[in-house]
Amino acid sequence: MKNKTSHRAPGLKASIAGLFLLMLAGALGAAIEPPNLGDEKDSLKKAEWKVIDVLIDTYGATDWSQVTDHLESYPDDAGNPNVMVIPLSLGNAYLNRYEATGNVSDYEQALQYFELVAGKHELWGKRWLTPAVVHYLAVSVNRVRRDCEDYTRLPGVPRKRIKVLWKKVLRILKLEADFRLTVDLPYAPYVSCFTGDTKAEENAWEATLFAAAASFLPEDPEAPAWDEKARLLAYNAITRPSDPPDKSGTKTCTVGEDLTLSNHGLSPNPYYAGATLFLLTQGALTYRLTDRPIPEEFTHNIQEFYTKYTSYLSGDLSWLVPSDPEGDATLFPLLFDSKLEREAVKQKAIRGYLWKRTAPVQVMSTGSELWEAIQNSKVVLYYLMSSYLWRFPSPAPCYEVRFRMPEDGQVQ
């Protein structure tokens, strides 16, 4: 994603990106399925637990009061959605701990983080960076709906509490999806492939929101419109000059004819190539989690674009070309390439850090430390959406929440 810095807090640069991506299991539009790992699957799961747990080691005891004060003081700040990635990633890290140990306090911690984000929608909703964060919230809370027999036995965690949280998330999801239908999308300029400022990842992150809304609210009257918009935006995420217009007749171009993606003045920019692949995967995941076929538009040009991306990778998983932001391929496990996936997870687990080496933070400020916390939290997001939840999805929910928007249209 493009970097966007808050006028009050230089550390709140926008960048939801990362790397990964999808595999075509046959023809265009076929379901995306990770390869079978056999006996190695359990070891991969434990290694990913170790990677994601780094976030708790770094920020589990942090005092966030300066950050929360900033959010409350500047509720319209464009960078606020980025900050919400931190509690969402911490919540998922604590859920992983609960899966590993059964410690009830870890489950309680996860629930509190998710409730915090859902309860503060007015501080981060309806702005440029919101769509992928809404998707992350929906997928995260969907994880806690998995095994009601166990969770209803947890002290202090009644089934009703989870239902209330899920209904709140669905309200947010509907409000945001309906709002985004009023926005002029795909992003202008439609032809961004030669500007050095591609709109590829912007179109992809918008697709994530509509995919989540269509998947988790299939009975809503607007669901067909959301689904159609998700398809159009996914198609327009990776488009070459020679590609035909989308089904609505809109012609876009986000990459060169040779599939080179340019951003931040770099051509190619491997980080944002990965970002586009990751965001398309993030959107596709909600179809997988709800047992729906992944639309073929989410695989448009994916195979060729991924091949182009791999040309930027060295044998040690570093990038062979400059990138902005910096990074390397160990940030992003690629589920369709099980060898690469295992090696990336192994290296990350051994290194023991996420974005960069970060000592435990006692008191969080709103400057560069917060930006590092956001980036570290996004690595957890990348691992969850591009590997972990594809390989280890939560069981189906044991109850359904029938959702209806309140007449006043307000999120409660």
Protein backbone atom coordinates (compact mmCIF):
# COMPACT_ATOMS: atom_id res chain seq x y z
CA MET A 1 0.00 0.00 0.00
CA LYS A 2 1.04 3.53 -0.48
CA ASN A 3 2.70 5.17 2.51
CA LYS A 4 0.46 7.82 4.01
CA THR A 5 1.75 9.78 6.98
CA SER A 6 -0.51 11.37 9.56
CA HIS A 7 0.01 15.11 9.91
CA ARG A 8 0.13 14.58 13.67
CA ALA A 9 2.05 11.32 13.94
CA PRO A 10 4.85 10.57 11.44
CA GLY A 11 4.76 6.94 12.51
CA LEU A 12 1.28 6.32 11.12
CA LYS A 13 2.34 5.67 7.54
CA ALA A 14 -0.08 3.57 5.58
CA SER A 15 1.12 0.32 4.21
CA ILE A 16 -0.90 -2.83 4.26
CA ALA A 17 1.14 -5.00 2.06
CA GLY A 18 3.10 -8.05 2.14
CA LEU A 19 3.72 -11.04 0.17
CA PHE A 20 2.38 -14.28 -0.74
CA LEU A 21 0.19 -15.98 -2.99
CA LEU A 22 -2.40 -18.03 -4.63
CA MET A 23 -2.12 -21.14 -6.67
CA LEU A 24 -4.25 -22.05 -9.67
CA ALA A 25 -5.43 -25.61 -9.12
CA GLY A 26 -6.09 -26.16 -12.79
CA ALA A 27 -7.84 -23.74 -15.08
CA LEU A 28 -8.46 -20.09 -14.41
CA GLY A 29 -11.02 -19.73 -11.66
CA ALA A 30 -10.37 -23.12 -10.09
CA ALA A 31 -10.43 -23.37 -6.30
CA ILE A 32 -7.20 -22.45 -4.56
CA GLU A 33 -5.91 -25.31 -2.49
CA PRO A 34 -2.58 -25.60 -0.64
CA PRO A 35 -0.47 -28.69 -1.38
CA ASN A 36 -0.68 -31.59 1.05
CA LEU A 37 2.18 -31.48 3.55
CA GLY A 38 1.54 -34.91 5.02
CA ASP A 39 3.43 -35.55 8.26
CA GLU A 40 5.12 -32.15 8.08
CA LYS A 41 1.88 -30.25 8.63
CA ASP A 42 2.04 -30.37 12.44
CA SER A 43 5.64 -29.13 12.51
CA LEU A 44 4.69 -26.25 10.23
CA LYS A 45 1.83 -25.29 12.54
CA LYS A 46 4.09 -25.25 15.59
CA ALA A 47 6.70 -23.19 13.74
CA GLU A 48 4.08 -20.63 12.74
CA TRP A 49 2.89 -20.48 16.36
CA LYS A 50 6.47 -19.63 17.29
CA VAL A 51 6.73 -16.90 14.65
CA ILE A 52 3.41 -15.27 15.54
CA ASP A 53 4.13 -15.52 19.26
CA VAL A 54 7.01 -13.07 18.80
CA LEU A 55 4.40 -10.30 18.73
CA ILE A 56 3.28 -11.13 22.29
CA ASP A 57 6.88 -11.31 23.48
CA THR A 58 7.44 -7.81 22.09
CA TYR A 59 4.15 -6.05 22.89
CA GLY A 60 2.24 -8.27 25.30
CA ALA A 61 3.13 -6.07 28.31
CA THR A 62 3.25 -2.72 26.51
CA ASP A 63 1.52 0.38 27.88
CA TRP A 64 -0.55 1.70 24.94
CA SER A 65 -2.05 4.72 26.71
CA GLN A 66 -0.24 7.30 24.55
CA VAL A 67 -1.55 5.61 21.41
CA THR A 68 -5.12 5.35 22.66
CA ASP A 69 -5.03 8.99 23.75
CA HIS A 70 -3.86 9.97 20.27
CA LEU A 71 -6.65 7.98 18.63
CA GLU A 72 -9.27 9.61 20.82
CA SER A 73 -7.78 13.08 20.24
CA TYR A 74 -7.62 12.65 16.44
CA PRO A 75 -10.55 10.38 15.56
CA ASP A 76 -10.46 11.40 11.88
CA ASP A 77 -6.78 10.64 11.32
CA ALA A 78 -6.33 8.78 8.04
CA GLY A 79 -3.68 6.54 9.62
CA ASN A 80 -5.88 5.17 12.40
CA PRO A 81 -6.87 1.97 10.57
CA ASN A 82 -3.20 0.98 10.47
CA VAL A 83 -3.07 1.09 14.26
CA MET A 84 -5.98 -1.38 14.48
CA VAL A 85 -3.80 -4.05 12.89
CA ILE A 86 -1.87 -4.21 16.18
CA PRO A 87 -4.70 -5.39 18.48
CA LEU A 88 -6.08 -7.66 15.76
CA SER A 89 -2.70 -9.36 15.36
CA LEU A 90 -2.19 -9.59 19.11
CA GLY A 91 -5.64 -11.14 19.44
CA ASN A 92 -4.80 -13.77 16.84
CA ALA A 93 -1.48 -14.46 18.54
CA TYR A 94 -3.30 -15.10 21.82
CA LEU A 95 -5.79 -17.35 20.00
CA ASN A 96 -2.86 -19.38 18.72
CA ARG A 97 -1.59 -19.67 22.29
CA TYR A 98 -5.00 -20.90 23.38
CA GLU A 99 -4.99 -23.50 20.60
CA ALA A 100 -1.55 -24.66 21.74
CA THR A 101 -2.10 -24.74 25.52
CA GLY A 102 -5.81 -24.41 26.30
CA ASN A 103 -5.05 -21.55 28.71
CA VAL A 104 -8.34 -19.70 29.24
CA SER A 105 -6.60 -16.40 29.95
CA ASP A 106 -5.16 -16.41 26.43
CA TYR A 107 -8.63 -16.80 24.95
CA GLU A 108 -9.89 -13.95 27.15
CA GLN A 109 -7.04 -11.71 25.98
CA ALA A 110 -7.87 -12.44 22.34
CA LEU A 111 -11.53 -11.65 22.87
CA GLN A 112 -10.72 -8.34 24.58
CA TYR A 113 -8.53 -7.22 21.67
CA PHE A 114 -11.23 -8.04 19.13
CA GLU A 115 -13.88 -6.30 21.23
CA LEU A 116 -11.66 -3.22 21.43
CA VAL A 117 -11.40 -2.90 17.64
CA ALA A 118 -15.09 -3.61 17.04
CA GLY A 119 -16.08 -1.14 19.75
CA LYS A 120 -14.00 1.73 18.31
CA HIS A 121 -15.18 1.66 14.70
CA GLU A 122 -15.78 5.42 14.73
CA LEU A 123 -12.01 5.96 15.15
CA TRP A 124 -10.96 4.02 12.05
CA GLY A 125 -13.95 3.44 9.79
CA LYS A 126 -14.84 4.80 6.33
CA ARG A 127 -11.43 5.93 5.17
CA TRP A 128 -8.76 4.94 2.68
CA LEU A 129 -7.12 2.14 4.68
CA THR A 130 -10.26 0.70 6.23
CA PRO A 131 -11.27 -2.13 3.82
CA ALA A 132 -8.53 -4.67 4.53
CA VAL A 133 -8.79 -3.96 8.28
CA VAL A 134 -12.53 -4.71 8.23
CA HIS A 135 -11.74 -7.99 6.50
CA TYR A 136 -9.10 -8.78 9.13
CA LEU A 137 -11.58 -8.06 11.94
CA ALA A 138 -14.25 -10.30 10.38
CA VAL A 139 -11.89 -13.23 9.82
CA SER A 140 -10.42 -12.83 13.32
CA VAL A 141 -13.76 -12.88 15.12
CA ASN A 142 -14.90 -15.73 12.91
CA ARG A 143 -12.08 -17.76 14.49
CA VAL A 144 -13.64 -17.49 17.96
CA ARG A 145 -16.96 -18.87 16.73
CA ARG A 146 -15.47 -22.27 16.00
CA ASP A 147 -15.98 -24.62 18.94
CA CYS A 148 -18.89 -23.45 21.03
CA GLU A 149 -19.04 -26.56 23.21
CA ASP A 150 -15.58 -25.79 24.53
CA TYR A 151 -15.97 -22.03 24.67
CA THR A 152 -19.29 -22.05 26.48
CA ARG A 153 -17.54 -23.95 29.26
CA LEU A 154 -14.88 -21.26 29.61
CA PRO A 155 -15.27 -19.25 32.82
CA GLY A 156 -16.40 -15.72 32.04
CA VAL A 157 -16.84 -16.37 28.32
CA PRO A 158 -20.54 -17.01 27.75
CA ARG A 159 -21.75 -17.92 24.30
CA LYS A 160 -23.86 -14.74 24.27
CA ARG A 161 -20.74 -12.58 24.51
CA ILE A 162 -19.33 -14.09 21.32
CA LYS A 163 -22.68 -13.71 19.53
CA VAL A 164 -22.87 -10.02 20.51
CA LEU A 165 -19.36 -9.43 19.20
CA TRP A 166 -20.06 -11.24 15.92
CA LYS A 167 -23.26 -9.24 15.35
CA LYS A 168 -21.30 -6.02 15.90
CA VAL A 169 -18.70 -7.15 13.37
CA LEU A 170 -21.41 -7.94 10.83
CA ARG A 171 -22.92 -4.48 11.32
CA ILE A 172 -19.53 -2.91 10.64
CA LEU A 173 -19.03 -5.13 7.62
CA LYS A 174 -22.37 -4.13 6.15
CA LEU A 175 -21.92 -0.43 6.86
CA GLU A 176 -18.50 -0.39 5.24
CA ALA A 177 -19.51 -2.46 2.21
CA ASP A 178 -22.57 -0.29 1.56
CA PHE A 179 -20.43 2.83 1.97
CA ARG A 180 -17.77 1.56 -0.45
CA LEU A 181 -20.46 0.95 -3.08
CA THR A 182 -20.85 4.74 -3.21
CA VAL A 183 -17.12 5.29 -3.86
CA ASP A 184 -15.82 5.62 -7.43
CA LEU A 185 -13.98 2.33 -7.90
CA PRO A 186 -11.68 1.02 -9.33
CA TYR A 187 -9.18 3.68 -8.39
CA ALA A 188 -8.24 6.50 -10.75
CA PRO A 189 -6.24 6.90 -12.84
CA TYR A 190 -7.42 3.74 -14.52
CA VAL A 191 -4.16 3.56 -16.47
CA SER A 192 -1.55 3.56 -13.70
CA CYS A 193 0.89 1.01 -15.15
CA PHE A 194 3.29 3.68 -16.46
CA THR A 195 3.02 6.28 -13.69
CA GLY A 196 5.31 4.72 -11.08
CA ASP A 197 2.29 4.73 -8.74
CA THR A 198 0.23 1.66 -9.57
CA LYS A 199 -3.30 1.28 -8.27
CA ALA A 200 -2.94 -2.50 -8.20
CA GLU A 201 -2.91 -2.98 -4.43
CA GLU A 202 -5.62 -0.36 -3.85
CA ASN A 203 -8.02 -2.27 -6.10
CA ALA A 204 -7.01 -5.51 -4.39
CA TRP A 205 -7.63 -4.25 -0.85
CA GLU A 206 -11.05 -2.92 -1.82
CA ALA A 207 -11.85 -6.38 -3.16
CA THR A 208 -11.09 -7.88 0.27
CA LEU A 209 -13.90 -5.94 1.93
CA PHE A 210 -16.53 -6.82 -0.65
CA ALA A 211 -15.44 -10.46 -0.60
CA ALA A 212 -15.85 -10.60 3.19
CA ALA A 213 -19.27 -8.93 3.07
CA ALA A 214 -20.54 -11.24 0.33
CA SER A 215 -19.17 -14.32 2.14
CA PHE A 216 -20.25 -13.59 5.72
CA LEU A 217 -23.58 -11.88 4.87
CA PRO A 218 -24.83 -13.98 1.92
CA GLU A 219 -28.53 -13.37 2.68
CA ASP A 220 -28.25 -9.57 2.71
CA PRO A 221 -30.10 -7.88 -0.19
CA GLU A 222 -26.85 -6.17 -1.20
CA ALA A 223 -24.81 -9.39 -1.24
CA PRO A 224 -25.01 -9.84 -5.03
CA ALA A 225 -23.79 -6.27 -5.55
CA TRP A 226 -20.93 -6.79 -3.08
CA ASP A 227 -19.94 -10.02 -4.76
CA GLU A 228 -19.97 -8.42 -8.20
CA LYS A 229 -17.87 -5.50 -6.96
CA ALA A 230 -15.38 -7.89 -5.37
CA ARG A 231 -15.00 -9.68 -8.70
CA LEU A 232 -14.55 -6.47 -10.70
CA LEU A 233 -11.95 -5.07 -8.33
CA ALA A 234 -10.06 -8.37 -8.11
CA TYR A 235 -9.93 -8.50 -11.91
CA ASN A 236 -8.62 -4.92 -12.02
CA ALA A 237 -5.85 -5.59 -9.49
CA ILE A 238 -3.45 -7.08 -12.05
CA THR A 239 -4.19 -5.77 -15.56
CA ARG A 240 -1.86 -5.37 -18.51
CA PRO A 241 -2.24 -2.87 -21.36
CA SER A 242 -3.48 -5.67 -23.62
CA ASP A 243 -6.08 -7.05 -21.19
CA PRO A 244 -9.75 -6.50 -22.08
CA PRO A 245 -11.99 -4.24 -19.97
CA ASP A 246 -13.77 -5.72 -16.98
CA LYS A 247 -17.38 -6.86 -17.21
CA SER A 248 -18.62 -3.34 -16.55
CA GLY A 249 -16.64 -2.02 -19.52
CA THR A 250 -13.93 -0.28 -17.45
CA LYS A 251 -10.42 -0.62 -18.89
CA THR A 252 -7.56 -0.48 -16.40
CA CYS A 253 -3.83 -1.07 -16.55
CA THR A 254 -1.83 -1.63 -13.34
CA VAL A 255 1.23 -3.55 -14.59
CA GLY A 256 3.35 -3.48 -17.72
CA GLU A 257 2.83 -5.88 -20.59
CA ASP A 258 5.65 -7.97 -19.10
CA LEU A 259 3.83 -7.84 -15.71
CA THR A 260 6.32 -5.48 -14.09
CA LEU A 261 4.66 -3.57 -11.24
CA SER A 262 6.04 -0.11 -10.48
CA ASN A 263 5.45 1.79 -7.25
CA HIS A 264 7.21 4.42 -5.14
CA GLY A 265 9.26 5.23 -8.22
CA LEU A 266 10.78 1.73 -8.35
CA SER A 267 10.25 -0.52 -11.36
CA PRO A 268 9.87 -3.25 -10.30
CA ASN A 269 8.96 -2.88 -6.64
CA PRO A 270 8.90 -6.42 -5.17
CA TYR A 271 7.21 -5.39 -1.92
CA TYR A 272 4.16 -4.03 -3.71
CA ALA A 273 4.08 -6.88 -6.17
CA GLY A 274 3.81 -9.09 -3.11
CA ALA A 275 1.27 -6.73 -1.58
CA THR A 276 -1.09 -7.15 -4.51
CA LEU A 277 -0.75 -10.93 -4.42
CA PHE A 278 -1.25 -11.00 -0.67
CA LEU A 279 -4.37 -8.82 -0.73
CA LEU A 280 -6.00 -10.93 -3.44
CA THR A 281 -5.30 -13.96 -1.28
CA GLN A 282 -6.72 -12.23 1.77
CA GLY A 283 -9.96 -11.61 -0.10
CA ALA A 284 -10.08 -15.14 -1.51
CA LEU A 285 -9.71 -16.62 1.97
CA THR A 286 -13.21 -15.57 3.02
CA TYR A 287 -14.71 -17.65 0.19
CA ARG A 288 -12.64 -20.61 1.39
CA LEU A 289 -13.71 -20.14 5.02
CA THR A 290 -17.39 -20.07 4.06
CA ASP A 291 -17.15 -23.07 1.69
CA ARG A 292 -17.84 -21.01 -1.41
CA PRO A 293 -15.99 -21.27 -4.73
CA ILE A 294 -13.34 -18.62 -5.22
CA PRO A 295 -14.33 -16.40 -8.16
CA GLU A 296 -12.07 -16.71 -11.19
CA GLU A 297 -11.44 -12.95 -11.11
CA PHE A 298 -9.30 -13.49 -7.99
CA THR A 299 -6.94 -15.58 -10.13
CA HIS A 300 -6.77 -13.15 -13.06
CA ASN A 301 -3.13 -13.01 -14.23
CA ILE A 302 -2.06 -14.53 -10.88
CA GLN A 303 -0.02 -17.41 -12.29
CA GLU A 304 2.02 -15.23 -14.62
CA PHE A 305 2.37 -12.42 -12.08
CA TYR A 306 3.64 -14.79 -9.40
CA THR A 307 6.18 -16.19 -11.86
CA LYS A 308 7.36 -12.64 -12.50
CA TYR A 309 7.66 -12.08 -8.76
CA THR A 310 9.80 -15.18 -8.24
CA SER A 311 12.33 -13.76 -10.69
CA TYR A 312 13.13 -11.19 -7.97
CA LEU A 313 13.98 -13.87 -5.37
CA SER A 314 17.41 -15.29 -4.57
CA GLY A 315 18.06 -18.74 -3.21
CA ASP A 316 18.26 -17.40 0.36
CA LEU A 317 14.82 -15.73 -0.03
CA SER A 318 16.17 -12.20 -0.26
CA TRP A 319 15.03 -9.83 -3.02
CA LEU A 320 17.45 -9.29 -5.89
CA VAL A 321 16.16 -5.78 -6.66
CA PRO A 322 15.64 -2.71 -4.46
CA SER A 323 12.32 -2.37 -2.67
CA ASP A 324 10.46 0.35 -0.80
CA PRO A 325 9.69 -0.55 1.96
CA GLU A 326 12.64 -2.89 2.43
CA GLY A 327 12.21 -6.53 3.31
CA ASP A 328 12.71 -10.03 1.95
CA ALA A 329 10.70 -13.11 1.09
CA THR A 330 10.96 -14.60 4.59
CA LEU A 331 8.23 -12.14 5.57
CA PHE A 332 5.71 -14.07 3.53
CA PRO A 333 5.23 -17.86 3.47
CA LEU A 334 3.84 -18.99 0.10
CA LEU A 335 1.40 -21.83 0.64
CA PHE A 336 1.26 -23.02 -2.96
CA ASP A 337 5.01 -23.68 -2.90
CA SER A 338 5.34 -25.92 0.13
CA LYS A 339 9.13 -26.03 0.00
CA LEU A 340 9.41 -22.25 -0.04
CA GLU A 341 6.69 -21.96 2.59
CA ARG A 342 8.45 -24.31 4.99
CA GLU A 343 11.79 -22.60 4.47
CA ALA A 344 10.36 -19.11 5.03
CA VAL A 345 8.62 -20.20 8.24
CA LYS A 346 11.73 -22.06 9.42
CA GLN A 347 13.99 -19.06 8.86
CA LYS A 348 11.57 -16.66 10.51
CA ALA A 349 11.18 -18.94 13.55
CA ILE A 350 14.95 -19.27 13.94
CA ARG A 351 15.58 -15.55 13.57
CA GLY A 352 13.01 -14.78 16.21
CA TYR A 353 11.82 -11.44 14.87
CA LEU A 354 9.06 -10.27 12.56
CA TRP A 355 9.72 -7.08 10.58
CA LYS A 356 13.06 -6.22 12.17
CA ARG A 357 14.75 -6.93 15.49
CA THR A 358 12.63 -5.18 18.12
CA ALA A 359 13.21 -5.27 21.86
CA PRO A 360 10.16 -5.56 24.16
CA VAL A 361 8.48 -2.16 24.39
CA GLN A 362 7.38 -0.96 27.81
CA VAL A 363 5.62 2.29 26.79
CA MET A 364 4.52 2.88 23.20
CA SER A 365 4.88 6.36 21.70
CA THR A 366 3.21 7.62 18.51
CA GLY A 367 6.44 7.96 16.54
CA SER A 368 8.79 5.50 14.85
CA GLU A 369 8.23 2.80 17.50
CA LEU A 370 4.54 2.72 16.60
CA TRP A 371 5.36 2.39 12.91
CA GLU A 372 7.57 -0.62 13.74
CA ALA A 373 4.75 -2.11 15.82
CA ILE A 374 2.39 -1.71 12.86
CA GLN A 375 4.86 -3.40 10.52
CA ASN A 376 5.54 -6.22 12.99
CA SER A 377 1.80 -6.73 13.36
CA LYS A 378 1.36 -6.84 9.60
CA VAL A 379 3.81 -9.72 9.38
CA VAL A 380 1.46 -11.66 11.65
CA LEU A 381 -1.36 -10.69 9.28
CA TYR A 382 0.67 -11.97 6.31
CA TYR A 383 1.36 -15.31 7.98
CA LEU A 384 -2.26 -15.78 9.00
CA MET A 385 -3.83 -14.90 5.65
CA SER A 386 -1.23 -16.38 3.30
CA SER A 387 -0.55 -19.65 5.09
CA TYR A 388 -1.91 -20.39 8.56
CA LEU A 389 -5.67 -20.02 8.05
CA TRP A 390 -5.52 -21.77 4.69
CA ARG A 391 -3.84 -24.78 6.22
CA PHE A 392 -5.46 -24.68 9.67
CA PRO A 393 -8.92 -23.14 9.25
CA SER A 394 -11.18 -23.03 12.25
CA PRO A 395 -14.03 -25.56 12.35
CA ALA A 396 -17.43 -24.38 11.16
CA PRO A 397 -19.38 -22.21 13.62
CA CYS A 398 -21.81 -24.13 15.84
CA TYR A 399 -24.46 -21.44 15.59
CA GLU A 400 -25.56 -18.80 13.12
CA VAL A 401 -26.24 -15.15 13.79
CA ARG A 402 -29.12 -13.82 11.71
CA PHE A 403 -28.23 -10.22 11.04
CA ARG A 404 -30.48 -7.28 10.34
CA MET A 405 -29.35 -3.66 10.16
CA PRO A 406 -31.00 -1.50 12.87
CA GLU A 407 -33.44 1.04 11.50
CA ASP A 408 -31.22 3.91 12.64
CA GLY A 409 -28.29 2.47 10.70
CA GLN A 410 -25.93 2.83 13.64
CA VAL A 411 -23.31 0.35 14.72
CA GLN A 412 -24.09 -0.65 18.30
